[in-house]
Amino acid sequence: MPYFVYILKSVSLGTRYIGSTANIEQRIKEHNSGKCTYTRNRRPWVLIYKEEFPNLSEARKRERYFKTGQGREFIDKVIG
């Protein structure tokens, strides 16, 4: 089963959210329906980037990288 690291952008505020999951479509629905505490008040969310990994461990490593200074710089260069 593949796992994904994803980056969402809040349409209303322009903030980003980084996460990982096995079912990206379902997870985005959860963010937009208000089931996630952090993202609830920043809806709606749109997917702006995703990467696929063979296991959860590798996906979580990449997620942690995106949350570092270097990772944020990479996101700004690649995604804007």
PDB file of N, CA and C in Angstrom:
ATOM      1  N   MET A   1       0.846  -1.181   0.000  1.00  0.00           N
ATOM      2  CA  MET A   1       0.000   0.000   0.000  1.00  0.00           C
ATOM      3  C   MET A   1       0.891   1.243   0.000  1.00  0.00           C
ATOM      4  N   PRO A   2       0.671   2.140  -0.929  1.00  0.00           N
ATOM      5  CA  PRO A   2       1.477   3.371  -0.945  1.00  0.00           C
ATOM      6  C   PRO A   2       1.006   4.362   0.115  1.00  0.00           C
ATOM      7  N   TYR A   3       1.934   5.187   0.544  1.00  0.00           N
ATOM      8  CA  TYR A   3       1.635   6.270   1.475  1.00  0.00           C
ATOM      9  C   TYR A   3       2.027   7.584   0.806  1.00  0.00           C
ATOM     10  N   PHE A   4       1.403   8.649   1.239  1.00  0.00           N
ATOM     11  CA  PHE A   4       1.620   9.947   0.622  1.00  0.00           C
ATOM     12  C   PHE A   4       1.987  10.991   1.659  1.00  0.00           C
ATOM     13  N   VAL A   5       2.833  11.912   1.256  1.00  0.00           N
ATOM     14  CA  VAL A   5       3.034  13.155   1.979  1.00  0.00           C
ATOM     15  C   VAL A   5       2.323  14.188   1.129  1.00  0.00           C
ATOM     16  N   TYR A   6       1.549  15.034   1.768  1.00  0.00           N
ATOM     17  CA  TYR A   6       0.766  16.001   1.007  1.00  0.00           C
ATOM     18  C   TYR A   6       0.893  17.393   1.626  1.00  0.00           C
ATOM     19  N   ILE A   7       0.697  18.380   0.780  1.00  0.00           N
ATOM     20  CA  ILE A   7       0.695  19.764   1.242  1.00  0.00           C
ATOM     21  C   ILE A   7      -0.604  20.389   0.777  1.00  0.00           C
ATOM     22  N   LEU A   8      -1.337  20.939   1.727  1.00  0.00           N
ATOM     23  CA  LEU A   8      -2.582  21.628   1.437  1.00  0.00           C
ATOM     24  C   LEU A   8      -2.376  23.118   1.614  1.00  0.00           C
ATOM     25  N   LYS A   9      -3.161  23.898   0.887  1.00  0.00           N
ATOM     26  CA  LYS A   9      -3.128  25.347   1.052  1.00  0.00           C
ATOM     27  C   LYS A   9      -4.530  25.821   1.375  1.00  0.00           C
ATOM     28  N   SER A  10      -4.632  26.678   2.372  1.00  0.00           N
ATOM     29  CA  SER A  10      -5.909  27.253   2.752  1.00  0.00           C
ATOM     30  C   SER A  10      -6.286  28.333   1.741  1.00  0.00           C
ATOM     31  N   VAL A  11      -7.434  28.175   1.130  1.00  0.00           N
ATOM     32  CA  VAL A  11      -7.909  29.160   0.162  1.00  0.00           C
ATOM     33  C   VAL A  11      -8.224  30.477   0.867  1.00  0.00           C
ATOM     34  N   SER A  12      -8.752  30.395   2.080  1.00  0.00           N
ATOM     35  CA  SER A  12      -9.172  31.605   2.792  1.00  0.00           C
ATOM     36  C   SER A  12      -8.009  32.390   3.398  1.00  0.00           C
ATOM     37  N   LEU A  13      -6.978  31.701   3.908  1.00  0.00           N
ATOM     38  CA  LEU A  13      -5.890  32.391   4.611  1.00  0.00           C
ATOM     39  C   LEU A  13      -4.532  32.286   3.924  1.00  0.00           C
ATOM     40  N   GLY A  14      -4.373  31.343   3.007  1.00  0.00           N
ATOM     41  CA  GLY A  14      -3.100  31.178   2.322  1.00  0.00           C
ATOM     42  C   GLY A  14      -2.065  30.390   3.105  1.00  0.00           C
ATOM     43  N   THR A  15      -2.429  29.851   4.263  1.00  0.00           N
ATOM     44  CA  THR A  15      -1.496  29.051   5.047  1.00  0.00           C
ATOM     45  C   THR A  15      -1.392  27.646   4.460  1.00  0.00           C
ATOM     46  N   ARG A  16      -0.315  26.928   4.839  1.00  0.00           N
ATOM     47  CA  ARG A  16      -0.111  25.567   4.343  1.00  0.00           C
ATOM     48  C   ARG A  16      -0.210  24.569   5.486  1.00  0.00           C
ATOM     49  N   TYR A  17      -0.569  23.350   5.112  1.00  0.00           N
ATOM     50  CA  TYR A  17      -0.622  22.238   6.059  1.00  0.00           C
ATOM     51  C   TYR A  17       0.093  21.061   5.416  1.00  0.00           C
ATOM     52  N   ILE A  18       0.964  20.392   6.173  1.00  0.00           N
ATOM     53  CA  ILE A  18       1.731  19.253   5.674  1.00  0.00           C
ATOM     54  C   ILE A  18       1.339  18.027   6.483  1.00  0.00           C
ATOM     55  N   GLY A  19       1.034  16.927   5.788  1.00  0.00           N
ATOM     56  CA  GLY A  19       0.655  15.702   6.473  1.00  0.00           C
ATOM     57  C   GLY A  19       1.033  14.475   5.667  1.00  0.00           C
ATOM     58  N   SER A  20       0.738  13.306   6.232  1.00  0.00           N
ATOM     59  CA  SER A  20       0.977  12.047   5.531  1.00  0.00           C
ATOM     60  C   SER A  20      -0.203  11.118   5.779  1.00  0.00           C
ATOM     61  N   THR A  21      -0.466  10.260   4.798  1.00  0.00           N
ATOM     62  CA  THR A  21      -1.623   9.374   4.867  1.00  0.00           C
ATOM     63  C   THR A  21      -1.516   8.267   3.831  1.00  0.00           C
ATOM     64  N   ALA A  22      -2.345   7.246   3.990  1.00  0.00           N
ATOM     65  CA  ALA A  22      -2.436   6.189   2.990  1.00  0.00           C
ATOM     66  C   ALA A  22      -3.550   6.494   1.993  1.00  0.00           C
ATOM     67  N   ASN A  23      -4.548   7.259   2.406  1.00  0.00           N
ATOM     68  CA  ASN A  23      -5.691   7.568   1.548  1.00  0.00           C
ATOM     69  C   ASN A  23      -5.825   9.083   1.434  1.00  0.00           C
ATOM     70  N   ILE A  24      -5.203   9.636   0.443  1.00  0.00           N
ATOM     71  CA  ILE A  24      -5.122  11.095   0.330  1.00  0.00           C
ATOM     72  C   ILE A  24      -6.481  11.747   0.047  1.00  0.00           C
ATOM     73  N   GLU A  25      -7.310  11.112  -0.779  1.00  0.00           N
ATOM     74  CA  GLU A  25      -8.620  11.696  -1.085  1.00  0.00           C
ATOM     75  C   GLU A  25      -9.485  11.793   0.161  1.00  0.00           C
ATOM     76  N   GLN A  26      -9.502  10.708   0.957  1.00  0.00           N
ATOM     77  CA  GLN A  26     -10.283  10.705   2.191  1.00  0.00           C
ATOM     78  C   GLN A  26      -9.745  11.727   3.187  1.00  0.00           C
ATOM     79  N   ARG A  27      -8.452  11.845   3.271  1.00  0.00           N
ATOM     80  CA  ARG A  27      -7.845  12.781   4.233  1.00  0.00           C
ATOM     81  C   ARG A  27      -8.180  14.225   3.888  1.00  0.00           C
ATOM     82  N   ILE A  28      -8.169  14.564   2.604  1.00  0.00           N
ATOM     83  CA  ILE A  28      -8.528  15.925   2.200  1.00  0.00           C
ATOM     84  C   ILE A  28      -9.988  16.203   2.541  1.00  0.00           C
ATOM     85  N   LYS A  29     -10.851  15.225   2.341  1.00  0.00           N
ATOM     86  CA  LYS A  29     -12.266  15.380   2.716  1.00  0.00           C
ATOM     87  C   LYS A  29     -12.398  15.648   4.212  1.00  0.00           C
ATOM     88  N   GLU A  30     -11.603  14.945   5.012  1.00  0.00           N
ATOM     89  CA  GLU A  30     -11.643  15.149   6.464  1.00  0.00           C
ATOM     90  C   GLU A  30     -11.208  16.564   6.832  1.00  0.00           C
ATOM     91  N   HIS A  31     -10.157  17.050   6.180  1.00  0.00           N
ATOM     92  CA  HIS A  31      -9.713  18.420   6.450  1.00  0.00           C
ATOM     93  C   HIS A  31     -10.806  19.423   6.088  1.00  0.00           C
ATOM     94  N   ASN A  32     -11.433  19.236   4.952  1.00  0.00           N
ATOM     95  CA  ASN A  32     -12.441  20.193   4.487  1.00  0.00           C
ATOM     96  C   ASN A  32     -13.788  20.063   5.189  1.00  0.00           C
ATOM     97  N   SER A  33     -14.028  18.938   5.856  1.00  0.00           N
ATOM     98  CA  SER A  33     -15.294  18.778   6.575  1.00  0.00           C
ATOM     99  C   SER A  33     -15.191  19.237   8.024  1.00  0.00           C
ATOM    100  N   GLY A  34     -13.991  19.596   8.482  1.00  0.00           N
ATOM    101  CA  GLY A  34     -13.830  20.105   9.837  1.00  0.00           C
ATOM    102  C   GLY A  34     -13.494  19.044  10.867  1.00  0.00           C
ATOM    103  N   LYS A  35     -13.147  17.839  10.451  1.00  0.00           N
ATOM    104  CA  LYS A  35     -12.822  16.767  11.400  1.00  0.00           C
ATOM    105  C   LYS A  35     -11.451  16.935  12.043  1.00  0.00           C
ATOM    106  N   CYS A  36     -10.603  17.769  11.469  1.00  0.00           N
ATOM    107  CA  CYS A  36      -9.248  17.973  11.981  1.00  0.00           C
ATOM    108  C   CYS A  36      -9.188  19.313  12.706  1.00  0.00           C
ATOM    109  N   THR A  37      -8.805  19.275  13.957  1.00  0.00           N
ATOM    110  CA  THR A  37      -8.818  20.471  14.793  1.00  0.00           C
ATOM    111  C   THR A  37      -7.991  21.613  14.210  1.00  0.00           C
ATOM    112  N   TYR A  38      -6.756  21.346  13.796  1.00  0.00           N
ATOM    113  CA  TYR A  38      -5.888  22.420  13.316  1.00  0.00           C
ATOM    114  C   TYR A  38      -6.429  23.069  12.051  1.00  0.00           C
ATOM    115  N   THR A  39      -6.974  22.292  11.158  1.00  0.00           N
ATOM    116  CA  THR A  39      -7.393  22.824   9.855  1.00  0.00           C
ATOM    117  C   THR A  39      -8.841  23.299   9.823  1.00  0.00           C
ATOM    118  N   ARG A  40      -9.590  23.037  10.857  1.00  0.00           N
ATOM    119  CA  ARG A  40     -11.029  23.338  10.879  1.00  0.00           C
ATOM    120  C   ARG A  40     -11.344  24.806  10.565  1.00  0.00           C
ATOM    121  N   ASN A  41     -10.632  25.731  11.179  1.00  0.00           N
ATOM    122  CA  ASN A  41     -10.954  27.150  11.023  1.00  0.00           C
ATOM    123  C   ASN A  41     -10.226  27.813   9.864  1.00  0.00           C
ATOM    124  N   ARG A  42      -9.581  27.023   9.037  1.00  0.00           N
ATOM    125  CA  ARG A  42      -8.831  27.585   7.909  1.00  0.00           C
ATOM    126  C   ARG A  42      -9.358  27.058   6.572  1.00  0.00           C
ATOM    127  N   ARG A  43     -10.546  26.499   6.572  1.00  0.00           N
ATOM    128  CA  ARG A  43     -11.132  25.912   5.362  1.00  0.00           C
ATOM    129  C   ARG A  43     -11.526  26.989   4.367  1.00  0.00           C
ATOM    130  N   PRO A  44     -11.641  26.638   3.104  1.00  0.00           N
ATOM    131  CA  PRO A  44     -11.407  25.349   2.457  1.00  0.00           C
ATOM    132  C   PRO A  44      -9.931  25.143   2.121  1.00  0.00           C
ATOM    133  N   TRP A  45      -9.568  23.871   1.924  1.00  0.00           N
ATOM    134  CA  TRP A  45      -8.200  23.460   1.617  1.00  0.00           C
ATOM    135  C   TRP A  45      -8.135  22.878   0.220  1.00  0.00           C
ATOM    136  N   VAL A  46      -7.028  23.149  -0.475  1.00  0.00           N
ATOM    137  CA  VAL A  46      -6.786  22.549  -1.786  1.00  0.00           C
ATOM    138  C   VAL A  46      -5.418  21.871  -1.759  1.00  0.00           C
ATOM    139  N   LEU A  47      -5.325  20.752  -2.451  1.00  0.00           N
ATOM    140  CA  LEU A  47      -4.070  20.021  -2.554  1.00  0.00           C
ATOM    141  C   LEU A  47      -3.154  20.751  -3.516  1.00  0.00           C
ATOM    142  N   ILE A  48      -1.923  21.076  -3.054  1.00  0.00           N
ATOM    143  CA  ILE A  48      -0.984  21.763  -3.944  1.00  0.00           C
ATOM    144  C   ILE A  48       0.243  20.916  -4.255  1.00  0.00           C
ATOM    145  N   TYR A  49       0.451  19.805  -3.496  1.00  0.00           N
ATOM    146  CA  TYR A  49       1.626  18.982  -3.744  1.00  0.00           C
ATOM    147  C   TYR A  49       1.449  17.646  -3.048  1.00  0.00           C
ATOM    148  N   LYS A  50       1.960  16.573  -3.684  1.00  0.00           N
ATOM    149  CA  LYS A  50       1.980  15.265  -3.028  1.00  0.00           C
ATOM    150  C   LYS A  50       3.148  14.453  -3.556  1.00  0.00           C
ATOM    151  N   GLU A  51       3.641  13.555  -2.713  1.00  0.00           N
ATOM    152  CA  GLU A  51       4.692  12.605  -3.069  1.00  0.00           C
ATOM    153  C   GLU A  51       4.257  11.239  -2.559  1.00  0.00           C
ATOM    154  N   GLU A  52       4.578  10.205  -3.320  1.00  0.00           N
ATOM    155  CA  GLU A  52       4.214   8.837  -2.950  1.00  0.00           C
ATOM    156  C   GLU A  52       5.432   8.080  -2.428  1.00  0.00           C
ATOM    157  N   PHE A  53       5.200   7.240  -1.403  1.00  0.00           N
ATOM    158  CA  PHE A  53       6.251   6.444  -0.791  1.00  0.00           C
ATOM    159  C   PHE A  53       5.763   5.017  -0.584  1.00  0.00           C
ATOM    160  N   PRO A  54       6.687   4.053  -0.558  1.00  0.00           N
ATOM    161  CA  PRO A  54       6.276   2.653  -0.413  1.00  0.00           C
ATOM    162  C   PRO A  54       5.830   2.274   1.002  1.00  0.00           C
ATOM    163  N   ASN A  55       6.211   3.078   1.999  1.00  0.00           N
ATOM    164  CA  ASN A  55       5.808   2.756   3.373  1.00  0.00           C
ATOM    165  C   ASN A  55       5.647   4.029   4.200  1.00  0.00           C
ATOM    166  N   LEU A  56       4.989   3.873   5.330  1.00  0.00           N
ATOM    167  CA  LEU A  56       4.683   5.016   6.195  1.00  0.00           C
ATOM    168  C   LEU A  56       5.940   5.638   6.777  1.00  0.00           C
ATOM    169  N   SER A  57       6.927   4.836   7.099  1.00  0.00           N
ATOM    170  CA  SER A  57       8.160   5.342   7.688  1.00  0.00           C
ATOM    171  C   SER A  57       8.839   6.368   6.773  1.00  0.00           C
ATOM    172  N   GLU A  58       8.961   6.041   5.499  1.00  0.00           N
ATOM    173  CA  GLU A  58       9.592   6.967   4.556  1.00  0.00           C
ATOM    174  C   GLU A  58       8.740   8.219   4.354  1.00  0.00           C
ATOM    175  N   ALA A  59       7.432   8.056   4.330  1.00  0.00           N
ATOM    176  CA  ALA A  59       6.541   9.214   4.178  1.00  0.00           C
ATOM    177  C   ALA A  59       6.679  10.156   5.371  1.00  0.00           C
ATOM    178  N   ARG A  60       6.762   9.607   6.570  1.00  0.00           N
ATOM    179  CA  ARG A  60       6.900  10.442   7.769  1.00  0.00           C
ATOM    180  C   ARG A  60       8.243  11.166   7.801  1.00  0.00           C
ATOM    181  N   LYS A  61       9.301  10.513   7.319  1.00  0.00           N
ATOM    182  CA  LYS A  61      10.604  11.178   7.243  1.00  0.00           C
ATOM    183  C   LYS A  61      10.526  12.400   6.346  1.00  0.00           C
ATOM    184  N   ARG A  62       9.872  12.231   5.200  1.00  0.00           N
ATOM    185  CA  ARG A  62       9.746  13.346   4.257  1.00  0.00           C
ATOM    186  C   ARG A  62       8.858  14.444   4.849  1.00  0.00           C
ATOM    187  N   GLU A  63       7.812  14.063   5.550  1.00  0.00           N
ATOM    188  CA  GLU A  63       6.942  15.041   6.210  1.00  0.00           C
ATOM    189  C   GLU A  63       7.746  15.865   7.214  1.00  0.00           C
ATOM    190  N   ARG A  64       8.567  15.197   8.020  1.00  0.00           N
ATOM    191  CA  ARG A  64       9.401  15.916   8.992  1.00  0.00           C
ATOM    192  C   ARG A  64      10.364  16.866   8.288  1.00  0.00           C
ATOM    193  N   TYR A  65      10.926  16.433   7.151  1.00  0.00           N
ATOM    194  CA  TYR A  65      11.821  17.299   6.378  1.00  0.00           C
ATOM    195  C   TYR A  65      11.093  18.556   5.920  1.00  0.00           C
ATOM    196  N   PHE A  66       9.885  18.412   5.406  1.00  0.00           N
ATOM    197  CA  PHE A  66       9.133  19.569   4.922  1.00  0.00           C
ATOM    198  C   PHE A  66       8.849  20.574   6.042  1.00  0.00           C
ATOM    199  N   LYS A  67       8.860  20.120   7.271  1.00  0.00           N
ATOM    200  CA  LYS A  67       8.569  21.003   8.395  1.00  0.00           C
ATOM    201  C   LYS A  67       9.826  21.672   8.952  1.00  0.00           C
ATOM    202  N   THR A  68      10.985  21.430   8.330  1.00  0.00           N
ATOM    203  CA  THR A  68      12.226  22.094   8.733  1.00  0.00           C
ATOM    204  C   THR A  68      12.431  23.343   7.880  1.00  0.00           C
ATOM    205  N   GLY A  69      13.420  24.134   8.230  1.00  0.00           N
ATOM    206  CA  GLY A  69      13.734  25.329   7.441  1.00  0.00           C
ATOM    207  C   GLY A  69      14.101  24.990   6.010  1.00  0.00           C
ATOM    208  N   GLN A  70      14.931  23.962   5.825  1.00  0.00           N
ATOM    209  CA  GLN A  70      15.315  23.551   4.475  1.00  0.00           C
ATOM    210  C   GLN A  70      14.112  23.044   3.698  1.00  0.00           C
ATOM    211  N   GLY A  71      13.256  22.313   4.367  1.00  0.00           N
ATOM    212  CA  GLY A  71      12.056  21.790   3.716  1.00  0.00           C
ATOM    213  C   GLY A  71      11.121  22.904   3.275  1.00  0.00           C
ATOM    214  N   ARG A  72      10.961  23.922   4.114  1.00  0.00           N
ATOM    215  CA  ARG A  72      10.110  25.063   3.740  1.00  0.00           C
ATOM    216  C   ARG A  72      10.708  25.814   2.559  1.00  0.00           C
ATOM    217  N   GLU A  73      12.047  25.918   2.519  1.00  0.00           N
ATOM    218  CA  GLU A  73      12.696  26.557   1.370  1.00  0.00           C
ATOM    219  C   GLU A  73      12.433  25.753   0.098  1.00  0.00           C
ATOM    220  N   PHE A  74      12.513  24.416   0.186  1.00  0.00           N
ATOM    221  CA  PHE A  74      12.233  23.559  -0.958  1.00  0.00           C
ATOM    222  C   PHE A  74      10.793  23.776  -1.434  1.00  0.00           C
ATOM    223  N   ILE A  75       9.864  23.799  -0.514  1.00  0.00           N
ATOM    224  CA  ILE A  75       8.459  24.012  -0.869  1.00  0.00           C
ATOM    225  C   ILE A  75       8.288  25.356  -1.567  1.00  0.00           C
ATOM    226  N   ASP A  76       8.908  26.398  -1.036  1.00  0.00           N
ATOM    227  CA  ASP A  76       8.783  27.724  -1.640  1.00  0.00           C
ATOM    228  C   ASP A  76       9.350  27.758  -3.062  1.00  0.00           C
ATOM    229  N   LYS A  77      10.456  27.035  -3.294  1.00  0.00           N
ATOM    230  CA  LYS A  77      11.058  27.013  -4.627  1.00  0.00           C
ATOM    231  C   LYS A  77      10.216  26.212  -5.616  1.00  0.00           C
ATOM    232  N   VAL A  78       9.777  25.030  -5.198  1.00  0.00           N
ATOM    233  CA  VAL A  78       9.081  24.117  -6.099  1.00  0.00           C
ATOM    234  C   VAL A  78       7.612  24.499  -6.280  1.00  0.00           C
ATOM    235  N   ILE A  79       6.970  24.883  -5.218  1.00  0.00           N
ATOM    236  CA  ILE A  79       5.523  25.126  -5.272  1.00  0.00           C
ATOM    237  C   ILE A  79       5.200  26.619  -5.323  1.00  0.00           C
ATOM    238  N   GLY A  80       5.949  27.366  -4.593  1.00  0.00           N
ATOM    239  CA  GLY A  80       5.704  28.813  -4.542  1.00  0.00           C
ATOM    240  C   GLY A  80       4.851  29.244  -3.393  1.00  0.00           C
TER     241      GLY A  80
END
